[in-house]
Amino acid sequence: MLYPNKRYGNPEGLKYWAMGIPLNQLAYRLRRTERCVSNWLDGTKKIPFWVPELLRLQNMEHEHIMWQMGIAPLRKKLGLVDNGQIILLPAPKRKNTTPETRKDIAEMELKRTNA
């Protein structure tokens, strides 16, 4: 945590890690009231040092659990912007994951079973 005062957390760090989380869920995660969390997000109250760190660690733990379960993270759709219009790039072609069987090996196995 690179913030000059070690007693208080970085407000930008809190906004980054709280991005996309509804206020009521964020308050439940932090075990604080919605009013307290909204005051932190508005900047009217100083943020304790542990709040951004806790959200960061929870995010790391979530990513690690997803990795252990074999669930790949969702990739964001990238596109180009031209005169205010978004031009989506074509989806990358997927590789064929089925194993290829050689014809000569398959024919040899058929000859063995027929003989």
C-alpha atoms as a PDB file:
ATOM      1  CA  MET A   1       0.000   0.000   0.000  1.00  0.00           C
ATOM      2  CA  LEU A   2       1.694   3.178  -1.158  1.00  0.00           C
ATOM      3  CA  TYR A   3      -0.137   5.902   0.715  1.00  0.00           C
ATOM      4  CA  PRO A   4       1.625   8.513   2.846  1.00  0.00           C
ATOM      5  CA  ASN A   5      -0.459   8.024   5.980  1.00  0.00           C
ATOM      6  CA  LYS A   6      -0.418   4.414   7.178  1.00  0.00           C
ATOM      7  CA  ARG A   7      -3.371   4.941   9.500  1.00  0.00           C
ATOM      8  CA  TYR A   8      -5.843   5.667   6.704  1.00  0.00           C
ATOM      9  CA  GLY A   9      -6.501   3.871   3.437  1.00  0.00           C
ATOM     10  CA  ASN A  10      -6.244   5.236  -0.071  1.00  0.00           C
ATOM     11  CA  PRO A  11      -9.656   6.488  -1.290  1.00  0.00           C
ATOM     12  CA  GLU A  12      -8.761   5.676  -4.904  1.00  0.00           C
ATOM     13  CA  GLY A  13      -7.886   2.133  -3.876  1.00  0.00           C
ATOM     14  CA  LEU A  14     -11.279   1.743  -2.228  1.00  0.00           C
ATOM     15  CA  LYS A  15     -13.051   3.038  -5.330  1.00  0.00           C
ATOM     16  CA  TYR A  16     -11.066   0.644  -7.525  1.00  0.00           C
ATOM     17  CA  TRP A  17     -11.749  -2.479  -5.468  1.00  0.00           C
ATOM     18  CA  ALA A  18     -15.393  -1.504  -4.820  1.00  0.00           C
ATOM     19  CA  MET A  19     -16.059  -0.988  -8.521  1.00  0.00           C
ATOM     20  CA  GLY A  20     -19.102  -2.976  -9.664  1.00  0.00           C
ATOM     21  CA  ILE A  21     -20.159  -4.064  -6.162  1.00  0.00           C
ATOM     22  CA  PRO A  22     -23.555  -2.715  -5.012  1.00  0.00           C
ATOM     23  CA  LEU A  23     -23.464  -0.607  -1.860  1.00  0.00           C
ATOM     24  CA  ASN A  24     -25.496  -3.030   0.268  1.00  0.00           C
ATOM     25  CA  GLN A  25     -23.240  -5.978  -0.659  1.00  0.00           C
ATOM     26  CA  LEU A  26     -20.131  -3.891  -0.039  1.00  0.00           C
ATOM     27  CA  ALA A  27     -21.418  -2.901   3.399  1.00  0.00           C
ATOM     28  CA  TYR A  28     -22.174  -6.553   4.182  1.00  0.00           C
ATOM     29  CA  ARG A  29     -18.680  -7.642   3.100  1.00  0.00           C
ATOM     30  CA  LEU A  30     -17.026  -4.988   5.250  1.00  0.00           C
ATOM     31  CA  ARG A  31     -19.408  -5.528   8.213  1.00  0.00           C
ATOM     32  CA  ARG A  32     -20.312  -1.831   8.257  1.00  0.00           C
ATOM     33  CA  THR A  33     -23.493   0.157   7.616  1.00  0.00           C
ATOM     34  CA  GLU A  34     -24.347   1.435   4.157  1.00  0.00           C
ATOM     35  CA  ARG A  35     -24.108   4.995   5.453  1.00  0.00           C
ATOM     36  CA  CYS A  36     -20.567   4.438   6.704  1.00  0.00           C
ATOM     37  CA  VAL A  37     -19.448   2.900   3.409  1.00  0.00           C
ATOM     38  CA  SER A  38     -21.106   5.657   1.358  1.00  0.00           C
ATOM     39  CA  ASN A  39     -19.327   8.258   3.501  1.00  0.00           C
ATOM     40  CA  TRP A  40     -16.026   6.539   2.716  1.00  0.00           C
ATOM     41  CA  LEU A  41     -16.804   6.464  -0.999  1.00  0.00           C
ATOM     42  CA  ASP A  42     -17.900  10.137  -1.008  1.00  0.00           C
ATOM     43  CA  GLY A  43     -14.767  11.182   0.840  1.00  0.00           C
ATOM     44  CA  THR A  44     -16.596  12.755   3.798  1.00  0.00           C
ATOM     45  CA  LYS A  45     -14.965  10.310   6.238  1.00  0.00           C
ATOM     46  CA  LYS A  46     -11.452   8.913   6.228  1.00  0.00           C
ATOM     47  CA  ILE A  47     -11.083   5.266   5.269  1.00  0.00           C
ATOM     48  CA  PRO A  48      -9.427   2.852   7.722  1.00  0.00           C
ATOM     49  CA  PHE A  49      -6.274   1.249   6.319  1.00  0.00           C
ATOM     50  CA  TRP A  50      -7.750  -2.252   6.318  1.00  0.00           C
ATOM     51  CA  VAL A  51     -10.705  -1.539   3.999  1.00  0.00           C
ATOM     52  CA  PRO A  52      -8.928  -1.437   0.589  1.00  0.00           C
ATOM     53  CA  GLU A  53      -6.574  -4.199   1.730  1.00  0.00           C
ATOM     54  CA  LEU A  54      -9.465  -6.459   2.720  1.00  0.00           C
ATOM     55  CA  LEU A  55     -11.222  -5.921  -0.622  1.00  0.00           C
ATOM     56  CA  ARG A  56      -7.976  -6.611  -2.480  1.00  0.00           C
ATOM     57  CA  LEU A  57      -7.382  -9.832  -0.556  1.00  0.00           C
ATOM     58  CA  GLN A  58     -10.988 -10.963  -1.075  1.00  0.00           C
ATOM     59  CA  ASN A  59     -10.572 -10.408  -4.803  1.00  0.00           C
ATOM     60  CA  MET A  60      -7.310 -12.374  -4.869  1.00  0.00           C
ATOM     61  CA  GLU A  61      -8.921 -15.221  -2.930  1.00  0.00           C
ATOM     62  CA  HIS A  62     -11.884 -15.285  -5.327  1.00  0.00           C
ATOM     63  CA  GLU A  63      -9.583 -15.472  -8.360  1.00  0.00           C
ATOM     64  CA  HIS A  64      -7.557 -18.264  -6.731  1.00  0.00           C
ATOM     65  CA  ILE A  65     -10.679 -20.303  -5.929  1.00  0.00           C
ATOM     66  CA  MET A  66     -11.911 -19.898  -9.507  1.00  0.00           C
ATOM     67  CA  TRP A  67      -8.504 -21.059 -10.765  1.00  0.00           C
ATOM     68  CA  GLN A  68      -8.631 -24.114  -8.484  1.00  0.00           C
ATOM     69  CA  MET A  69     -12.072 -25.039  -9.813  1.00  0.00           C
ATOM     70  CA  GLY A  70     -10.869 -24.669 -13.396  1.00  0.00           C
ATOM     71  CA  ILE A  71     -13.148 -21.765 -14.237  1.00  0.00           C
ATOM     72  CA  ALA A  72     -11.416 -19.396 -16.631  1.00  0.00           C
ATOM     73  CA  PRO A  73     -11.942 -15.647 -16.134  1.00  0.00           C
ATOM     74  CA  LEU A  74     -14.281 -13.965 -18.581  1.00  0.00           C
ATOM     75  CA  ARG A  75     -12.414 -12.050 -21.210  1.00  0.00           C
ATOM     76  CA  LYS A  76     -13.614  -8.589 -22.073  1.00  0.00           C
ATOM     77  CA  LYS A  77     -14.686  -7.888 -25.615  1.00  0.00           C
ATOM     78  CA  LEU A  78     -12.226  -5.504 -27.159  1.00  0.00           C
ATOM     79  CA  GLY A  79     -13.147  -3.167 -29.939  1.00  0.00           C
ATOM     80  CA  LEU A  80     -12.103  -0.030 -31.772  1.00  0.00           C
ATOM     81  CA  VAL A  81     -13.848   3.317 -31.486  1.00  0.00           C
ATOM     82  CA  ASP A  82     -14.278   5.437 -34.599  1.00  0.00           C
ATOM     83  CA  ASN A  83     -16.288   8.687 -34.475  1.00  0.00           C
ATOM     84  CA  GLY A  84     -18.154   7.550 -31.385  1.00  0.00           C
ATOM     85  CA  GLN A  85     -19.108   4.165 -32.848  1.00  0.00           C
ATOM     86  CA  ILE A  86     -17.714   0.976 -31.378  1.00  0.00           C
ATOM     87  CA  ILE A  87     -16.361  -1.473 -33.938  1.00  0.00           C
ATOM     88  CA  LEU A  88     -16.053  -4.928 -32.373  1.00  0.00           C
ATOM     89  CA  LEU A  89     -13.193  -7.067 -33.535  1.00  0.00           C
ATOM     90  CA  PRO A  90     -14.057 -10.545 -34.806  1.00  0.00           C
ATOM     91  CA  ALA A  91     -13.880 -13.331 -32.264  1.00  0.00           C
ATOM     92  CA  PRO A  92     -10.655 -15.351 -32.420  1.00  0.00           C
ATOM     93  CA  LYS A  93     -10.950 -18.759 -34.045  1.00  0.00           C
ATOM     94  CA  ARG A  94     -10.931 -21.604 -31.593  1.00  0.00           C
ATOM     95  CA  LYS A  95      -8.505 -24.412 -32.014  1.00  0.00           C
ATOM     96  CA  ASN A  96      -9.896 -27.857 -32.602  1.00  0.00           C
ATOM     97  CA  THR A  97      -9.438 -29.696 -29.320  1.00  0.00           C
ATOM     98  CA  THR A  98     -10.470 -33.123 -30.581  1.00  0.00           C
ATOM     99  CA  PRO A  99      -7.512 -35.430 -31.092  1.00  0.00           C
ATOM    100  CA  GLU A 100      -6.661 -36.206 -34.669  1.00  0.00           C
ATOM    101  CA  THR A 101      -6.487 -39.856 -35.687  1.00  0.00           C
ATOM    102  CA  ARG A 102      -4.177 -40.871 -38.459  1.00  0.00           C
ATOM    103  CA  LYS A 103      -5.855 -42.870 -41.207  1.00  0.00           C
ATOM    104  CA  ASP A 104      -3.041 -45.359 -41.598  1.00  0.00           C
ATOM    105  CA  ILE A 105      -3.128 -46.247 -37.879  1.00  0.00           C
ATOM    106  CA  ALA A 106      -6.903 -46.605 -37.973  1.00  0.00           C
ATOM    107  CA  GLU A 107      -6.618 -48.910 -41.019  1.00  0.00           C
ATOM    108  CA  MET A 108      -3.975 -51.035 -39.279  1.00  0.00           C
ATOM    109  CA  GLU A 109      -6.217 -51.460 -36.260  1.00  0.00           C
ATOM    110  CA  LEU A 110      -9.114 -52.507 -38.509  1.00  0.00           C
ATOM    111  CA  LYS A 111      -6.918 -55.107 -40.186  1.00  0.00           C
ATOM    112  CA  ARG A 112      -5.889 -56.494 -36.788  1.00  0.00           C
ATOM    113  CA  THR A 113      -9.464 -56.821 -35.607  1.00  0.00           C
ATOM    114  CA  ASN A 114     -10.626 -58.395 -38.882  1.00  0.00           C
ATOM    115  CA  ALA A 115      -7.726 -60.865 -39.096  1.00  0.00           C
END
